[in-house]
């Protein structure tokens, strides 16, 4: 149940990242990359706080990031 909770929370974090990235569409690439790492750090910290296992946290973070990335890519193909 902890894995499912962390996965959902991290998907919410990635959605927030996409929203913030959309708001800052005129920013430089360096700042967008820096913002990505801030959100990645936040996702890892929250995941580790709930799961209490670094190995599982990194696995779930990679899983949530790949799920969200594939969903984002699929929506960009559908949307044009």
PDB file of N, CA and C in Angstrom:
ATOM      1  N   UNK A   1       0.822  -1.195   0.000  1.00  0.00           N
ATOM      2  CA  UNK A   1       0.000   0.000   0.000  1.00  0.00           C
ATOM      3  C   UNK A   1       0.868   1.261   0.000  1.00  0.00           C
ATOM      4  N   UNK A   2       2.048   1.179   0.624  1.00  0.00           N
ATOM      5  CA  UNK A   2       2.941   2.335   0.644  1.00  0.00           C
ATOM      6  C   UNK A   2       3.452   2.661  -0.752  1.00  0.00           C
ATOM      7  N   UNK A   3       3.722   1.618  -1.536  1.00  0.00           N
ATOM      8  CA  UNK A   3       4.210   1.836  -2.897  1.00  0.00           C
ATOM      9  C   UNK A   3       3.156   2.567  -3.720  1.00  0.00           C
ATOM     10  N   UNK A   4       1.920   2.150  -3.601  1.00  0.00           N
ATOM     11  CA  UNK A   4       0.827   2.788  -4.325  1.00  0.00           C
ATOM     12  C   UNK A   4       0.667   4.247  -3.892  1.00  0.00           C
ATOM     13  N   UNK A   5       0.758   4.515  -2.609  1.00  0.00           N
ATOM     14  CA  UNK A   5       0.634   5.881  -2.099  1.00  0.00           C
ATOM     15  C   UNK A   5       1.759   6.763  -2.618  1.00  0.00           C
ATOM     16  N   UNK A   6       2.979   6.256  -2.573  1.00  0.00           N
ATOM     17  CA  UNK A   6       4.120   7.030  -3.054  1.00  0.00           C
ATOM     18  C   UNK A   6       4.012   7.252  -4.554  1.00  0.00           C
ATOM     19  N   UNK A   7       3.583   6.233  -5.280  1.00  0.00           N
ATOM     20  CA  UNK A   7       3.420   6.367  -6.729  1.00  0.00           C
ATOM     21  C   UNK A   7       2.410   7.463  -7.063  1.00  0.00           C
ATOM     22  N   UNK A   8       1.290   7.480  -6.387  1.00  0.00           N
ATOM     23  CA  UNK A   8       0.282   8.517  -6.637  1.00  0.00           C
ATOM     24  C   UNK A   8       0.797   9.906  -6.266  1.00  0.00           C
ATOM     25  N   UNK A   9       1.461  10.017  -5.120  1.00  0.00           N
ATOM     26  CA  UNK A   9       2.009  11.316  -4.716  1.00  0.00           C
ATOM     27  C   UNK A   9       3.057  11.811  -5.709  1.00  0.00           C
ATOM     28  N   UNK A  10       3.878  10.916  -6.185  1.00  0.00           N
ATOM     29  CA  UNK A  10       4.893  11.325  -7.141  1.00  0.00           C
ATOM     30  C   UNK A  10       4.287  11.703  -8.487  1.00  0.00           C
ATOM     31  N   UNK A  11       3.243  11.038  -8.892  1.00  0.00           N
ATOM     32  CA  UNK A  11       2.563  11.446 -10.123  1.00  0.00           C
ATOM     33  C   UNK A  11       1.944  12.837  -9.976  1.00  0.00           C
ATOM     34  N   UNK A  12       1.474  13.148  -8.778  1.00  0.00           N
ATOM     35  CA  UNK A  12       0.970  14.498  -8.511  1.00  0.00           C
ATOM     36  C   UNK A  12       2.129  15.499  -8.593  1.00  0.00           C
ATOM     37  N   UNK A  13       3.287  15.129  -8.081  1.00  0.00           N
ATOM     38  CA  UNK A  13       4.457  16.000  -8.146  1.00  0.00           C
ATOM     39  C   UNK A  13       4.861  16.237  -9.596  1.00  0.00           C
ATOM     40  N   UNK A  14       4.868  15.194 -10.428  1.00  0.00           N
ATOM     41  CA  UNK A  14       5.234  15.365 -11.839  1.00  0.00           C
ATOM     42  C   UNK A  14       4.195  16.205 -12.578  1.00  0.00           C
ATOM     43  N   UNK A  15       2.947  16.090 -12.191  1.00  0.00           N
ATOM     44  CA  UNK A  15       1.928  16.949 -12.791  1.00  0.00           C
ATOM     45  C   UNK A  15       2.165  18.407 -12.417  1.00  0.00           C
ATOM     46  N   UNK A  16       2.549  18.633 -11.179  1.00  0.00           N
ATOM     47  CA  UNK A  16       2.888  19.981 -10.743  1.00  0.00           C
ATOM     48  C   UNK A  16       4.098  20.517 -11.491  1.00  0.00           C
ATOM     49  N   UNK A  17       5.070  19.652 -11.753  1.00  0.00           N
ATOM     50  CA  UNK A  17       6.240  20.063 -12.527  1.00  0.00           C
ATOM     51  C   UNK A  17       5.830  20.500 -13.933  1.00  0.00           C
ATOM     52  N   UNK A  18       4.960  19.734 -14.564  1.00  0.00           N
ATOM     53  CA  UNK A  18       4.516  20.082 -15.908  1.00  0.00           C
ATOM     54  C   UNK A  18       3.763  21.403 -15.919  1.00  0.00           C
ATOM     55  N   UNK A  19       2.944  21.627 -14.905  1.00  0.00           N
ATOM     56  CA  UNK A  19       2.214  22.884 -14.814  1.00  0.00           C
ATOM     57  C   UNK A  19       3.169  24.063 -14.636  1.00  0.00           C
ATOM     58  N   UNK A  20       4.140  23.924 -13.752  1.00  0.00           N
ATOM     59  CA  UNK A  20       5.117  24.990 -13.530  1.00  0.00           C
ATOM     60  C   UNK A  20       5.972  25.207 -14.773  1.00  0.00           C
ATOM     61  N   UNK A  21       6.319  24.129 -15.457  1.00  0.00           N
ATOM     62  CA  UNK A  21       7.085  24.262 -16.698  1.00  0.00           C
ATOM     63  C   UNK A  21       6.271  24.996 -17.763  1.00  0.00           C
ATOM     64  N   UNK A  22       4.990  24.722 -17.819  1.00  0.00           N
ATOM     65  CA  UNK A  22       4.116  25.419 -18.763  1.00  0.00           C
ATOM     66  C   UNK A  22       4.037  26.907 -18.428  1.00  0.00           C
ATOM     67  N   UNK A  23       4.000  27.236 -17.147  1.00  0.00           N
ATOM     68  CA  UNK A  23       3.963  28.638 -16.741  1.00  0.00           C
ATOM     69  C   UNK A  23       5.267  29.361 -17.070  1.00  0.00           C
ATOM     70  N   UNK A  24       6.368  28.629 -17.086  1.00  0.00           N
ATOM     71  CA  UNK A  24       7.670  29.254 -17.344  1.00  0.00           C
ATOM     72  C   UNK A  24       8.174  28.890 -18.735  1.00  0.00           C
ATOM     73  N   UNK A  25       7.323  28.945 -19.732  1.00  0.00           N
ATOM     74  CA  UNK A  25       7.703  28.511 -21.076  1.00  0.00           C
ATOM     75  C   UNK A  25       8.749  29.412 -21.725  1.00  0.00           C
ATOM     76  N   UNK A  26       8.936  30.624 -21.226  1.00  0.00           N
ATOM     77  CA  UNK A  26       9.920  31.538 -21.805  1.00  0.00           C
ATOM     78  C   UNK A  26      11.240  31.529 -21.039  1.00  0.00           C
ATOM     79  N   UNK A  27      11.371  30.690 -20.035  1.00  0.00           N
ATOM     80  CA  UNK A  27      12.614  30.604 -19.275  1.00  0.00           C
ATOM     81  C   UNK A  27      13.677  29.862 -20.077  1.00  0.00           C
ATOM     82  N   UNK A  28      14.915  30.045 -19.669  1.00  0.00           N
ATOM     83  CA  UNK A  28      16.019  29.357 -20.318  1.00  0.00           C
ATOM     84  C   UNK A  28      16.015  27.881 -19.946  1.00  0.00           C
ATOM     85  N   UNK A  29      16.641  27.071 -20.793  1.00  0.00           N
ATOM     86  CA  UNK A  29      16.683  25.627 -20.579  1.00  0.00           C
ATOM     87  C   UNK A  29      17.393  25.282 -19.269  1.00  0.00           C
ATOM     88  N   UNK A  30      18.417  26.027 -18.915  1.00  0.00           N
ATOM     89  CA  UNK A  30      19.151  25.754 -17.688  1.00  0.00           C
ATOM     90  C   UNK A  30      18.240  25.831 -16.458  1.00  0.00           C
ATOM     91  N   UNK A  31      17.343  26.803 -16.435  1.00  0.00           N
ATOM     92  CA  UNK A  31      16.443  26.954 -15.301  1.00  0.00           C
ATOM     93  C   UNK A  31      15.385  25.850 -15.278  1.00  0.00           C
ATOM     94  N   UNK A  32      14.969  25.384 -16.454  1.00  0.00           N
ATOM     95  CA  UNK A  32      14.014  24.281 -16.506  1.00  0.00           C
ATOM     96  C   UNK A  32      14.645  22.983 -15.997  1.00  0.00           C
ATOM     97  N   UNK A  33      15.903  22.768 -16.343  1.00  0.00           N
ATOM     98  CA  UNK A  33      16.619  21.575 -15.867  1.00  0.00           C
ATOM     99  C   UNK A  33      16.814  21.657 -14.355  1.00  0.00           C
ATOM    100  N   UNK A  34      17.178  22.820 -13.871  1.00  0.00           N
ATOM    101  CA  UNK A  34      17.332  23.016 -12.429  1.00  0.00           C
ATOM    102  C   UNK A  34      16.008  22.774 -11.706  1.00  0.00           C
ATOM    103  N   UNK A  35      14.922  23.261 -12.280  1.00  0.00           N
ATOM    104  CA  UNK A  35      13.596  23.058 -11.690  1.00  0.00           C
ATOM    105  C   UNK A  35      13.227  21.571 -11.678  1.00  0.00           C
ATOM    106  N   UNK A  36      13.616  20.830 -12.746  1.00  0.00           N
ATOM    107  CA  UNK A  36      13.355  19.397 -12.784  1.00  0.00           C
ATOM    108  C   UNK A  36      14.061  18.694 -11.622  1.00  0.00           C
ATOM    109  N   UNK A  37      15.305  19.066 -11.371  1.00  0.00           N
ATOM    110  CA  UNK A  37      16.039  18.426 -10.287  1.00  0.00           C
ATOM    111  C   UNK A  37      15.469  18.785  -8.917  1.00  0.00           C
ATOM    112  N   UNK A  38      14.909  19.968  -8.781  1.00  0.00           N
ATOM    113  CA  UNK A  38      14.247  20.336  -7.528  1.00  0.00           C
ATOM    114  C   UNK A  38      13.023  19.447  -7.310  1.00  0.00           C
ATOM    115  N   UNK A  39      12.229  19.250  -8.360  1.00  0.00           N
ATOM    116  CA  UNK A  39      11.049  18.394  -8.243  1.00  0.00           C
ATOM    117  C   UNK A  39      11.450  16.933  -8.044  1.00  0.00           C
ATOM    118  N   UNK A  40      12.531  16.495  -8.679  1.00  0.00           N
ATOM    119  CA  UNK A  40      13.022  15.132  -8.483  1.00  0.00           C
ATOM    120  C   UNK A  40      13.449  14.922  -7.034  1.00  0.00           C
ATOM    121  N   UNK A  41      14.170  15.897  -6.478  1.00  0.00           N
ATOM    122  CA  UNK A  41      14.589  15.829  -5.080  1.00  0.00           C
ATOM    123  C   UNK A  41      13.372  15.778  -4.152  1.00  0.00           C
ATOM    124  N   UNK A  42      12.387  16.595  -4.445  1.00  0.00           N
ATOM    125  CA  UNK A  42      11.157  16.595  -3.648  1.00  0.00           C
ATOM    126  C   UNK A  42      10.453  15.245  -3.714  1.00  0.00           C
ATOM    127  N   UNK A  43      10.386  14.647  -4.900  1.00  0.00           N
ATOM    128  CA  UNK A  43       9.747  13.337  -5.056  1.00  0.00           C
ATOM    129  C   UNK A  43      10.506  12.266  -4.269  1.00  0.00           C
ATOM    130  N   UNK A  44      11.822  12.313  -4.295  1.00  0.00           N
ATOM    131  CA  UNK A  44      12.622  11.324  -3.573  1.00  0.00           C
ATOM    132  C   UNK A  44      12.478  11.502  -2.066  1.00  0.00           C
ATOM    133  N   UNK A  45      12.503  12.724  -1.599  1.00  0.00           N
ATOM    134  CA  UNK A  45      12.381  12.979  -0.159  1.00  0.00           C
ATOM    135  C   UNK A  45      11.018  12.514   0.358  1.00  0.00           C
ATOM    136  N   UNK A  46       9.956  12.847  -0.352  1.00  0.00           N
ATOM    137  CA  UNK A  46       8.617  12.429   0.083  1.00  0.00           C
ATOM    138  C   UNK A  46       8.484  10.911   0.025  1.00  0.00           C
ATOM    139  N   UNK A  47       9.004  10.301  -1.035  1.00  0.00           N
ATOM    140  CA  UNK A  47       8.938   8.846  -1.151  1.00  0.00           C
ATOM    141  C   UNK A  47       9.709   8.141  -0.058  1.00  0.00           C
ATOM    142  N   UNK A  48      10.882   8.651   0.257  1.00  0.00           N
ATOM    143  CA  UNK A  48      11.687   8.034   1.305  1.00  0.00           C
ATOM    144  C   UNK A  48      11.072   8.249   2.686  1.00  0.00           C
ATOM    145  N   UNK A  49      10.413   9.363   2.885  1.00  0.00           N
ATOM    146  CA  UNK A  49       9.755   9.626   4.163  1.00  0.00           C
ATOM    147  C   UNK A  49       8.624   8.616   4.419  1.00  0.00           C
ATOM    148  N   UNK A  50       7.917   8.245   3.373  1.00  0.00           N
ATOM    149  CA  UNK A  50       6.789   7.317   3.527  1.00  0.00           C
ATOM    150  C   UNK A  50       7.269   5.865   3.542  1.00  0.00           C
ATOM    151  N   UNK A  51       8.182   5.513   2.646  1.00  0.00           N
ATOM    152  CA  UNK A  51       8.553   4.100   2.495  1.00  0.00           C
ATOM    153  C   UNK A  51       9.679   3.655   3.408  1.00  0.00           C
ATOM    154  N   UNK A  52      10.528   4.565   3.860  1.00  0.00           N
ATOM    155  CA  UNK A  52      11.640   4.250   4.759  1.00  0.00           C
ATOM    156  C   UNK A  52      12.656   3.270   4.160  1.00  0.00           C
ATOM    157  N   UNK A  53      12.756   3.267   2.826  1.00  0.00           N
ATOM    158  CA  UNK A  53      13.721   2.410   2.145  1.00  0.00           C
ATOM    159  C   UNK A  53      14.238   3.153   0.918  1.00  0.00           C
ATOM    160  N   UNK A  54      15.540   3.382   0.893  1.00  0.00           N
ATOM    161  CA  UNK A  54      16.130   4.146  -0.206  1.00  0.00           C
ATOM    162  C   UNK A  54      16.024   3.382  -1.521  1.00  0.00           C
ATOM    163  N   UNK A  55      16.268   2.079  -1.480  1.00  0.00           N
ATOM    164  CA  UNK A  55      16.227   1.262  -2.695  1.00  0.00           C
ATOM    165  C   UNK A  55      14.822   1.252  -3.307  1.00  0.00           C
ATOM    166  N   UNK A  56      13.811   1.026  -2.485  1.00  0.00           N
ATOM    167  CA  UNK A  56      12.438   1.031  -2.982  1.00  0.00           C
ATOM    168  C   UNK A  56      12.026   2.424  -3.450  1.00  0.00           C
ATOM    169  N   UNK A  57      12.515   3.454  -2.757  1.00  0.00           N
ATOM    170  CA  UNK A  57      12.171   4.822  -3.130  1.00  0.00           C
ATOM    171  C   UNK A  57      12.696   5.149  -4.516  1.00  0.00           C
ATOM    172  N   UNK A  58      13.941   4.796  -4.790  1.00  0.00           N
ATOM    173  CA  UNK A  58      14.495   5.070  -6.115  1.00  0.00           C
ATOM    174  C   UNK A  58      13.789   4.259  -7.192  1.00  0.00           C
ATOM    175  N   UNK A  59      13.406   3.021  -6.882  1.00  0.00           N
ATOM    176  CA  UNK A  59      12.673   2.209  -7.852  1.00  0.00           C
ATOM    177  C   UNK A  59      11.311   2.825  -8.163  1.00  0.00           C
ATOM    178  N   UNK A  60      10.571   3.220  -7.133  1.00  0.00           N
ATOM    179  CA  UNK A  60       9.243   3.800  -7.339  1.00  0.00           C
ATOM    180  C   UNK A  60       9.352   5.158  -8.029  1.00  0.00           C
ATOM    181  N   UNK A  61      10.382   5.935  -7.707  1.00  0.00           N
ATOM    182  CA  UNK A  61      10.578   7.226  -8.368  1.00  0.00           C
ATOM    183  C   UNK A  61      10.872   7.029  -9.845  1.00  0.00           C
ATOM    184  N   UNK A  62      11.719   6.076 -10.174  1.00  0.00           N
ATOM    185  CA  UNK A  62      11.994   5.785 -11.587  1.00  0.00           C
ATOM    186  C   UNK A  62      10.737   5.289 -12.293  1.00  0.00           C
ATOM    187  N   UNK A  63       9.959   4.467 -11.602  1.00  0.00           N
ATOM    188  CA  UNK A  63       8.711   3.968 -12.178  1.00  0.00           C
ATOM    189  C   UNK A  63       7.719   5.097 -12.417  1.00  0.00           C
ATOM    190  N   UNK A  64       7.548   5.968 -11.438  1.00  0.00           N
ATOM    191  CA  UNK A  64       6.588   7.060 -11.603  1.00  0.00           C
ATOM    192  C   UNK A  64       7.044   8.040 -12.677  1.00  0.00           C
ATOM    193  N   UNK A  65       8.339   8.291 -12.744  1.00  0.00           N
ATOM    194  CA  UNK A  65       8.850   9.193 -13.769  1.00  0.00           C
ATOM    195  C   UNK A  65       8.699   8.596 -15.159  1.00  0.00           C
ATOM    196  N   UNK A  66       8.923   7.303 -15.297  1.00  0.00           N
ATOM    197  CA  UNK A  66       8.749   6.668 -16.609  1.00  0.00           C
ATOM    198  C   UNK A  66       7.276   6.586 -16.997  1.00  0.00           C
ATOM    199  N   UNK A  67       6.405   6.311 -16.044  1.00  0.00           N
ATOM    200  CA  UNK A  67       4.970   6.308 -16.340  1.00  0.00           C
ATOM    201  C   UNK A  67       4.490   7.683 -16.771  1.00  0.00           C
ATOM    202  N   UNK A  68       4.894   8.696 -16.034  1.00  0.00           N
ATOM    203  CA  UNK A  68       4.467  10.039 -16.372  1.00  0.00           C
ATOM    204  C   UNK A  68       5.087  10.507 -17.686  1.00  0.00           C
ATOM    205  N   UNK A  69       6.343  10.156 -17.928  1.00  0.00           N
ATOM    206  CA  UNK A  69       6.985  10.515 -19.187  1.00  0.00           C
ATOM    207  C   UNK A  69       6.328   9.853 -20.384  1.00  0.00           C
ATOM    208  N   UNK A  70       5.974   8.581 -20.249  1.00  0.00           N
ATOM    209  CA  UNK A  70       5.308   7.894 -21.361  1.00  0.00           C
ATOM    210  C   UNK A  70       3.901   8.446 -21.593  1.00  0.00           C
ATOM    211  N   UNK A  71       3.208   8.800 -20.504  1.00  0.00           N
ATOM    212  CA  UNK A  71       1.888   9.415 -20.656  1.00  0.00           C
ATOM    213  C   UNK A  71       2.012  10.781 -21.322  1.00  0.00           C
ATOM    214  N   UNK A  72       2.994  11.565 -20.907  1.00  0.00           N
ATOM    215  CA  UNK A  72       3.217  12.895 -21.479  1.00  0.00           C
ATOM    216  C   UNK A  72       3.574  12.783 -22.963  1.00  0.00           C
ATOM    217  N   UNK A  73       4.416  11.813 -23.313  1.00  0.00           N
ATOM    218  CA  UNK A  73       4.805  11.589 -24.706  1.00  0.00           C
ATOM    219  C   UNK A  73       3.611  11.150 -25.546  1.00  0.00           C
ATOM    220  N   UNK A  74       2.787  10.245 -25.009  1.00  0.00           N
ATOM    221  CA  UNK A  74       1.606   9.782 -25.727  1.00  0.00           C
ATOM    222  C   UNK A  74       0.617  10.918 -25.963  1.00  0.00           C
ATOM    223  N   UNK A  75       0.417  11.754 -24.970  1.00  0.00           N
ATOM    224  CA  UNK A  75      -0.499  12.884 -25.137  1.00  0.00           C
ATOM    225  C   UNK A  75       0.042  13.909 -26.138  1.00  0.00           C
ATOM    226  N   UNK A  76       1.360  14.057 -26.207  1.00  0.00           N
ATOM    227  CA  UNK A  76       1.923  14.988 -27.176  1.00  0.00           C
ATOM    228  C   UNK A  76       1.769  14.444 -28.598  1.00  0.00           C
ATOM    229  N   UNK A  77       1.808  13.110 -28.760  1.00  0.00           N
ATOM    230  CA  UNK A  77       1.579  12.529 -30.076  1.00  0.00           C
ATOM    231  C   UNK A  77       0.123  12.666 -30.509  1.00  0.00           C
ATOM    232  N   UNK A  78      -0.781  12.487 -29.568  1.00  0.00           N
ATOM    233  CA  UNK A  78      -2.209  12.599 -29.886  1.00  0.00           C
ATOM    234  C   UNK A  78      -2.590  14.043 -30.160  1.00  0.00           C
ATOM    235  N   UNK A  79      -2.055  14.952 -29.342  1.00  0.00           N
ATOM    236  CA  UNK A  79      -2.411  16.357 -29.456  1.00  0.00           C
ATOM    237  C   UNK A  79      -1.779  17.068 -30.640  1.00  0.00           C
ATOM    238  N   UNK A  80      -0.702  16.513 -31.162  1.00  0.00           N
ATOM    239  CA  UNK A  80      -0.091  17.138 -32.327  1.00  0.00           C
ATOM    240  C   UNK A  80       1.122  17.797 -32.063  1.00  0.00           C
TER     241      UNK A  80
END
